[in-house]
Protein backbone atom coordinates (compact mmCIF):
# COMPACT_ATOMS: atom_id res chain seq x y z
CA MET A 1 -1.30 10.16 -16.89
CA THR A 2 -1.76 9.78 -20.63
CA LEU A 3 -2.48 6.32 -21.81
CA SER A 4 -0.18 5.21 -24.96
CA ASP A 5 -2.03 3.71 -28.18
CA ASP A 6 -0.72 0.28 -26.90
CA GLN A 7 -2.40 0.81 -23.62
CA LEU A 8 -5.48 2.00 -25.15
CA GLU A 9 -5.77 -1.24 -27.19
CA ARG A 10 -4.17 -3.80 -24.41
CA TYR A 11 -7.01 -2.64 -21.87
CA ALA A 12 -9.93 -1.72 -24.35
CA ARG A 13 -11.98 -3.94 -22.52
CA HIS A 14 -11.70 -2.16 -19.44
CA ILE A 15 -12.09 1.47 -21.09
CA VAL A 16 -15.17 0.70 -22.63
CA LEU A 17 -16.93 -0.25 -19.41
CA ARG A 18 -18.81 2.93 -17.63
CA GLU A 19 -17.40 1.71 -14.43
CA ILE A 20 -13.93 1.75 -14.98
CA GLY A 21 -13.27 3.85 -17.87
CA GLY A 22 -9.88 5.77 -18.92
CA GLU A 23 -9.61 7.27 -15.46
CA GLY A 24 -10.09 3.77 -13.84
CA GLN A 25 -7.57 2.22 -15.93
CA ARG A 26 -5.28 5.38 -15.22
CA LYS A 27 -5.93 4.40 -11.34
CA LEU A 28 -4.94 0.59 -11.77
CA LEU A 29 -2.05 1.91 -13.58
CA ALA A 30 -0.53 4.11 -10.78
CA ALA A 31 -1.57 1.81 -8.00
CA ARG A 32 0.65 -0.34 -5.79
CA LEU A 33 -1.01 -3.67 -4.39
CA THR A 34 0.95 -5.97 -2.00
CA MET A 35 -0.54 -9.74 -2.41
CA ILE A 36 0.26 -11.94 0.50
CA GLY A 37 0.98 -15.49 -0.77
CA ALA A 38 1.66 -16.67 -4.28
CA GLY A 39 -0.12 -19.98 -3.81
CA GLY A 40 -3.62 -21.49 -4.56
CA ILE A 41 -5.29 -18.00 -4.38
CA GLY A 42 -2.17 -15.73 -5.11
CA SER A 43 -1.83 -17.74 -8.69
CA PRO A 44 -4.94 -16.57 -10.38
CA ALA A 45 -5.02 -13.13 -8.37
CA ILE A 46 -1.62 -12.40 -9.49
CA GLN A 47 -2.20 -13.11 -13.06
CA TYR A 48 -5.34 -11.24 -13.61
CA LEU A 49 -4.09 -8.12 -11.53
CA ALA A 50 -1.16 -8.15 -13.84
CA ALA A 51 -3.12 -8.49 -17.11
CA ALA A 52 -5.46 -5.62 -15.31
CA GLY A 53 -2.25 -3.27 -15.35
CA ILE A 54 -1.69 -2.89 -11.83
CA GLY A 55 1.30 -0.32 -11.57
CA THR A 56 3.04 -2.03 -8.96
CA LEU A 57 2.76 -5.67 -7.71
CA ARG A 58 4.31 -6.72 -4.45
CA VAL A 59 4.24 -10.53 -3.89
CA ILE A 60 5.43 -11.76 -0.58
CA ASP A 61 5.84 -15.83 -0.23
CA ASP A 62 8.79 -17.43 1.01
CA ASP A 63 7.72 -20.91 -0.52
CA GLN A 64 9.48 -23.02 -3.16
CA VAL A 65 6.94 -24.71 -5.91
CA SER A 66 6.29 -28.13 -4.91
CA LEU A 67 4.87 -31.12 -7.07
CA ASP A 68 1.76 -31.12 -5.15
CA ASN A 69 1.19 -27.29 -5.63
CA LEU A 70 0.57 -28.04 -9.26
CA GLN A 71 -2.89 -29.22 -8.77
CA ARG A 72 -4.31 -26.10 -8.34
CA GLN A 73 -1.21 -23.26 -8.71
CA THR A 74 -1.80 -22.87 -12.29
CA MET A 75 0.88 -20.14 -12.39
CA PHE A 76 3.41 -22.68 -12.25
CA GLY A 77 4.49 -25.77 -14.02
CA THR A 78 6.12 -28.83 -13.73
CA PRO A 79 9.63 -27.25 -14.67
CA ASP A 80 9.07 -24.72 -11.89
CA VAL A 81 9.33 -27.39 -8.81
CA GLY A 82 11.95 -26.24 -6.56
CA ARG A 83 12.27 -22.92 -7.73
CA PRO A 84 11.07 -19.78 -5.55
CA LYS A 85 7.53 -18.88 -6.13
CA VAL A 86 8.21 -15.23 -6.08
CA GLU A 87 10.93 -15.94 -8.58
CA ALA A 88 8.59 -18.01 -10.97
CA ALA A 89 5.94 -15.52 -10.56
CA ALA A 90 8.10 -12.69 -11.81
CA GLU A 91 8.78 -14.31 -15.18
CA VAL A 92 4.83 -14.81 -15.52
CA VAL A 93 3.98 -11.10 -14.83
CA ALA A 94 6.67 -10.04 -17.02
CA ARG A 95 5.35 -12.22 -19.77
CA LEU A 96 1.55 -11.13 -19.40
CA ASN A 97 2.65 -7.00 -19.07
CA PRO A 98 5.50 -5.05 -19.24
CA ASP A 99 3.81 -2.24 -17.72
CA VAL A 100 3.54 -3.79 -14.50
CA ARG A 101 6.38 -3.28 -12.19
CA PHE A 102 7.05 -6.68 -10.07
CA GLU A 103 8.48 -6.72 -6.70
CA GLY A 104 8.83 -10.29 -5.14
CA LEU A 105 9.74 -10.85 -1.28
CA ALA A 106 10.89 -14.23 -0.72
CA CYS A 107 10.48 -13.75 3.15
CA ARG A 108 7.85 -14.65 5.72
CA LEU A 109 5.86 -12.00 6.83
CA THR A 110 5.32 -11.59 10.51
CA ALA A 111 4.14 -8.97 13.29
CA ASP A 112 7.69 -7.63 13.29
CA ASN A 113 8.27 -6.95 9.80
CA VAL A 114 5.02 -6.43 8.48
CA ALA A 115 4.84 -2.83 8.03
CA ASP A 116 8.11 -2.99 5.97
CA MET A 117 6.68 -5.98 4.09
CA ILE A 118 3.48 -4.42 3.00
CA GLY A 119 5.06 -1.13 2.22
CA ALA A 120 3.14 1.97 0.88
CA ALA A 121 0.28 -0.52 -0.93
CA ASP A 122 -3.02 1.32 -2.05
CA VAL A 123 -4.55 -2.38 -1.27
CA VAL A 124 -3.75 -5.57 0.11
CA LEU A 125 -4.92 -8.82 -0.90
CA ASP A 126 -3.98 -11.61 1.34
CA GLY A 127 -4.37 -15.07 0.30
CA CYS A 128 -1.95 -16.76 2.95
CA ASP A 129 -2.83 -19.78 4.81
CA ASN A 130 -2.48 -19.13 8.56
CA PHE A 131 -4.19 -16.86 11.29
CA ALA A 132 -0.84 -15.53 12.67
CA THR A 133 -0.04 -13.72 9.24
CA ARG A 134 -3.76 -12.83 8.55
CA LEU A 135 -3.90 -11.20 12.05
CA ALA A 136 -0.89 -9.46 11.80
CA VAL A 137 -1.74 -8.00 7.97
CA SER A 138 -5.54 -7.03 9.28
CA ASP A 139 -4.12 -5.21 12.12
CA HIS A 140 -1.42 -3.28 9.96
CA CYS A 141 -3.89 -2.35 7.49
CA THR A 142 -6.19 -1.46 10.18
CA ALA A 143 -4.07 0.76 11.67
CA VAL A 144 -2.45 2.46 8.62
CA HIS A 145 -5.59 2.82 6.82
CA ILE A 146 -4.99 0.48 3.81
CA PRO A 147 -7.99 -1.40 2.38
CA LEU A 148 -7.75 -5.43 2.86
CA VAL A 149 -9.12 -7.97 0.45
CA SER A 150 -9.11 -11.39 2.40
CA ALA A 151 -9.54 -14.70 0.61
CA ALA A 152 -9.47 -18.32 1.83
CA ILE A 153 -10.58 -21.93 0.44
CA GLY A 154 -10.88 -25.15 1.67
CA GLN A 155 -12.20 -28.22 0.25
CA PHE A 156 -15.62 -26.98 -2.00
CA GLN A 157 -15.74 -23.66 -0.45
CA ALA A 158 -14.20 -20.03 -0.99
CA GLN A 159 -14.64 -17.14 1.38
CA ILE A 160 -14.00 -13.15 0.11
CA GLY A 161 -14.03 -10.20 2.06
CA THR A 162 -13.10 -6.52 1.89
CA PHE A 163 -12.25 -4.98 5.66
CA ARG A 164 -11.72 -1.12 6.30
CA GLY A 165 -11.61 -1.87 9.95
CA TRP A 166 -10.76 1.87 10.63
CA HIS A 167 -14.21 3.35 9.73
CA ALA A 168 -16.77 3.90 12.35
CA HIS A 169 -19.15 0.93 11.64
CA SER A 170 -16.61 -1.55 9.36
CA PRO A 171 -15.35 -4.56 10.99
CA CYS A 172 -11.63 -5.52 10.66
CA TYR A 173 -10.85 -9.03 9.82
CA ARG A 174 -9.96 -9.46 13.48
CA CYS A 175 -13.71 -8.62 14.51
CA PHE A 176 -14.52 -11.46 12.30
CA VAL A 177 -12.17 -14.58 13.37
CA GLY A 178 -11.38 -12.87 16.93
CA ASP A 179 -8.11 -13.23 18.61
CA ALA A 180 -7.56 -16.59 17.36
CA PHE A 181 -6.76 -18.87 20.32
CA ASP A 182 -4.17 -20.57 18.28
CA ALA A 183 -2.86 -18.33 15.74
CA GLU A 184 -0.87 -20.98 13.74
CA ASP A 185 -3.97 -23.31 13.82
CA CYS A 186 -5.67 -23.05 10.34
CA ASP A 187 -6.88 -25.67 8.32
CA SER A 188 -4.63 -26.58 5.47
CA CYS A 189 -5.32 -28.14 1.95
CA SER A 190 -2.66 -30.67 2.69
CA GLU A 191 -4.77 -31.99 5.78
CA LEU A 192 -8.41 -31.62 4.30
CA GLY A 193 -7.88 -31.30 0.62
CA VAL A 194 -9.24 -28.73 -2.01
CA VAL A 195 -10.87 -28.76 -5.33
CA GLY A 196 -7.93 -27.14 -7.55
CA ALA A 197 -10.85 -25.03 -9.39
CA MET A 198 -11.82 -23.46 -6.04
CA ALA A 199 -8.41 -21.64 -6.02
CA GLY A 200 -9.62 -20.12 -9.45
CA ILE A 201 -12.53 -18.96 -8.21
CA ALA A 202 -11.28 -17.46 -5.15
CA GLY A 203 -8.26 -15.71 -6.56
CA SER A 204 -10.36 -14.40 -9.64
CA TRP A 205 -12.70 -13.09 -7.21
CA ALA A 206 -10.29 -11.69 -4.80
CA ALA A 207 -8.74 -9.84 -7.92
CA LEU A 208 -12.17 -8.32 -8.66
CA GLU A 209 -12.39 -7.05 -5.25
CA ALA A 210 -8.80 -5.61 -5.36
CA ILE A 211 -9.88 -3.66 -8.54
CA ARG A 212 -13.17 -2.57 -7.32
CA ALA A 213 -11.10 -1.05 -4.06
CA ILE A 214 -8.81 0.76 -6.48
CA THR A 215 -11.17 1.89 -9.14
CA GLY A 216 -14.55 2.56 -6.82
CA LEU A 217 -16.55 0.06 -9.29
CA GLY A 218 -19.98 -0.96 -8.17
CA ASP A 219 -20.80 -1.11 -4.42
CA ASP A 220 -18.66 -1.26 -1.64
CA PRO A 221 -18.50 -4.68 -0.13
CA ALA A 222 -16.71 -3.75 3.13
CA GLY A 223 -17.71 -5.63 6.24
CA LYS A 224 -19.54 -8.39 3.76
CA LEU A 225 -18.28 -12.10 3.69
CA HIS A 226 -18.98 -13.88 0.41
CA VAL A 227 -19.21 -17.65 0.77
CA PHE A 228 -19.30 -19.88 -2.09
CA ASP A 229 -19.90 -23.46 -1.84
CA GLY A 230 -18.88 -25.60 -4.65
CA LEU A 231 -20.34 -28.65 -3.52
CA ALA A 232 -23.92 -27.25 -3.61
CA PRO A 233 -23.56 -25.01 -5.28
CA GLY A 234 -24.47 -21.85 -4.00
CA LEU A 235 -23.58 -18.43 -2.73
CA ARG A 236 -24.43 -16.66 0.45
CA THR A 237 -23.29 -13.41 2.07
CA ILE A 238 -22.79 -12.90 5.31
CA ARG A 239 -22.66 -9.38 7.18
CA ILE A 240 -20.05 -8.79 9.87
CA VAL A 241 -20.84 -6.50 12.91
CA LYS A 242 -18.01 -4.50 14.00
CA ASP A 243 -16.71 -5.81 17.44
CA PRO A 244 -16.27 -2.68 20.14
CA SER A 245 -14.02 -4.48 21.98
CA CYS A 246 -12.02 -5.64 18.91
CA SER A 247 -8.27 -5.24 20.01
CA ALA A 248 -7.62 -3.65 16.82
CA CYS A 249 -10.15 -1.53 15.69
CA GLY A 250 -12.79 -1.34 18.66
CA ARG A 251 -10.65 1.40 20.50
CA ARG A 252 -9.91 3.09 17.39
CA ILE A 253 -13.01 4.12 16.11
CA GLN A 254 -12.86 7.25 13.90
CA SER A 255 -15.39 8.90 11.78
CA ALA A 256 -15.62 7.47 8.04
CA ALA A 257 -13.82 9.58 5.85
């Protein structure tokens, strides 16, 4: 792929980076990324991924914009209240970058439709708000060998992790949370609250990890969970051990490739 003059100018700050360069930018422009959720995490992530020039950006969210979203979901404004999130997101992406092909799916992802919903993605970024969806996404990504970036926020905390559970010594997301006794039981922002800026931190960080997975920049973070405490503030990194009895990856161990 040859970069046009407009693309050379648009992505100049990427291209001058030794870790990305022209080759990395071409990888971004050729990449397909599936984003689960267009809410607090998806809002900044979608904008930065679009600005980065992700070639095809598929966003899955069956929700509509509500007034209480606007405290943290900065992709939307007051006139968007009541609109499907993917519809509003499509307009934002089109305004940000005509290089990006946007695919909005206003559907709820389940274990039954996860393969069709995710499609032929090079990387998946999961910013949803329930364990049932997170585990369905993780199990599928593990089975078909798609890198998974998982991001979560709550109150003053953000968690970011990248998972490649099909590798022999790398855990999947299920290794981290287990089988989730109640897959629908996940702390929500509406119940516990969240500082809006935490969504910006988590979504932007998740976008960076997706860019890392596509371009190969820096160190491989797979198997590590980064936890940012906005109240302290402070950052710590936890190494997650592969669970040999994991129902998703423990019995599918293959040599790393």
